[in-house]
């Protein structure tokens, strides 16, 4: 019996299912039954070193057809995804700050 759960297990507990993961990032989804939409969270590698974490409605485009609409994360959810970014080696405190 394991005492501690890994990040993916904790994300699963709050409804996030891992869709994919490789050295360039990871993708998770969960369904919001109250408002009937799929929330997707992407951890993505960027060549600039400014790796990103995005949370959005996977099926909804904005009015200008530029991209998907943002869905907020709670502090706990954000902390889990930041831990995942660190595990993947895609977290840097200084990359890209200078402009």
Protein backbone atom coordinates (compact mmCIF):
# COMPACT_ATOMS: atom_id res chain seq x y z
CA UNK A 1 0.00 0.00 0.00
CA UNK A 2 1.33 3.42 -1.01
CA UNK A 3 1.19 6.28 1.44
CA UNK A 4 1.72 9.17 -0.99
CA UNK A 5 -0.07 9.79 -4.28
CA UNK A 6 1.68 11.13 -7.34
CA UNK A 7 0.52 14.29 -9.14
CA UNK A 8 -1.44 12.39 -11.80
CA UNK A 9 -3.37 10.51 -9.11
CA UNK A 10 -4.22 13.76 -7.32
CA UNK A 11 -5.35 15.34 -10.60
CA UNK A 12 -7.49 12.26 -11.29
CA UNK A 13 -9.14 12.67 -7.87
CA UNK A 14 -10.35 16.14 -8.86
CA UNK A 15 -11.58 14.96 -12.25
CA UNK A 16 -8.64 15.55 -14.62
CA UNK A 17 -7.85 12.65 -16.95
CA UNK A 18 -4.46 12.61 -18.64
CA UNK A 19 -4.87 12.59 -22.43
CA UNK A 20 -1.18 12.59 -23.39
CA UNK A 21 2.31 13.15 -22.03
CA UNK A 22 5.76 13.29 -23.57
CA UNK A 23 8.98 15.29 -23.14
CA UNK A 24 7.30 18.34 -24.73
CA UNK A 25 4.36 18.50 -22.32
CA UNK A 26 1.12 16.98 -21.15
CA UNK A 27 -2.59 17.38 -21.76
CA UNK A 28 -5.48 16.82 -19.34
CA UNK A 29 -9.26 17.07 -19.60
CA UNK A 30 -12.22 17.06 -17.27
CA UNK A 31 -15.94 17.45 -17.86
CA UNK A 32 -17.88 20.11 -15.97
CA UNK A 33 -21.36 18.62 -15.46
CA UNK A 34 -22.85 21.79 -13.98
CA UNK A 35 -22.12 23.91 -17.07
CA UNK A 36 -21.71 21.10 -19.63
CA UNK A 37 -18.28 21.75 -21.10
CA UNK A 38 -14.88 20.08 -21.39
CA UNK A 39 -11.99 21.85 -19.68
CA UNK A 40 -8.60 21.14 -21.18
CA UNK A 41 -5.27 21.96 -19.54
CA UNK A 42 -2.10 21.95 -21.62
CA UNK A 43 1.46 22.07 -20.36
CA UNK A 44 3.45 23.01 -23.44
CA UNK A 45 7.13 23.27 -24.35
CA UNK A 46 8.23 26.38 -26.21
CA UNK A 47 11.61 26.77 -27.91
CA UNK A 48 12.02 30.19 -26.23
CA UNK A 49 12.06 28.53 -22.81
CA UNK A 50 8.82 30.30 -21.91
CA UNK A 51 6.97 27.03 -21.33
CA UNK A 52 3.28 27.56 -20.70
CA UNK A 53 0.28 26.25 -18.80
CA UNK A 54 -3.10 26.89 -20.44
CA UNK A 55 -6.59 26.07 -19.19
CA UNK A 56 -9.49 26.50 -21.61
CA UNK A 57 -12.84 25.23 -22.89
CA UNK A 58 -11.77 22.84 -25.64
CA UNK A 59 -14.89 23.41 -27.78
CA UNK A 60 -15.47 27.15 -27.44
CA UNK A 61 -13.94 29.79 -29.71
CA UNK A 62 -13.87 33.47 -28.85
CA UNK A 63 -15.93 35.98 -30.82
CA UNK A 64 -13.00 36.91 -33.08
CA UNK A 65 -12.25 33.24 -33.87
CA UNK A 66 -8.73 33.66 -32.52
CA UNK A 67 -8.71 30.89 -29.94
CA UNK A 68 -10.38 29.12 -27.08
CA UNK A 69 -11.84 30.83 -24.05
CA UNK A 70 -9.90 30.70 -20.78
CA UNK A 71 -11.12 28.61 -17.84
CA UNK A 72 -9.67 29.50 -14.45
CA UNK A 73 -7.92 27.13 -12.09
CA UNK A 74 -8.13 27.08 -8.30
CA UNK A 75 -4.96 27.56 -6.28
CA UNK A 76 -4.84 23.82 -5.52
CA UNK A 77 -5.29 22.88 -9.19
CA UNK A 78 -2.61 25.36 -10.22
CA UNK A 79 -0.17 24.00 -7.62
CA UNK A 80 -0.65 20.46 -8.94
CA UNK A 81 -0.06 21.54 -12.53
CA UNK A 82 3.05 23.51 -11.54
CA UNK A 83 4.37 20.36 -9.82
CA UNK A 84 3.73 18.48 -13.08
CA UNK A 85 5.57 21.17 -15.05
CA UNK A 86 8.54 20.79 -12.72
CA UNK A 87 8.46 17.00 -13.09
CA UNK A 88 8.55 17.38 -16.88
CA UNK A 89 11.43 19.87 -16.64
CA UNK A 90 9.29 22.63 -18.18
CA UNK A 91 9.34 25.06 -15.25
CA UNK A 92 11.73 27.96 -15.05
CA UNK A 93 11.49 31.00 -12.83
CA UNK A 94 13.62 33.20 -15.09
CA UNK A 95 13.17 32.09 -18.71
CA UNK A 96 11.93 34.96 -20.84
CA UNK A 97 11.48 37.51 -18.04
CA UNK A 98 13.75 40.04 -19.69
CA UNK A 99 11.35 40.58 -22.58
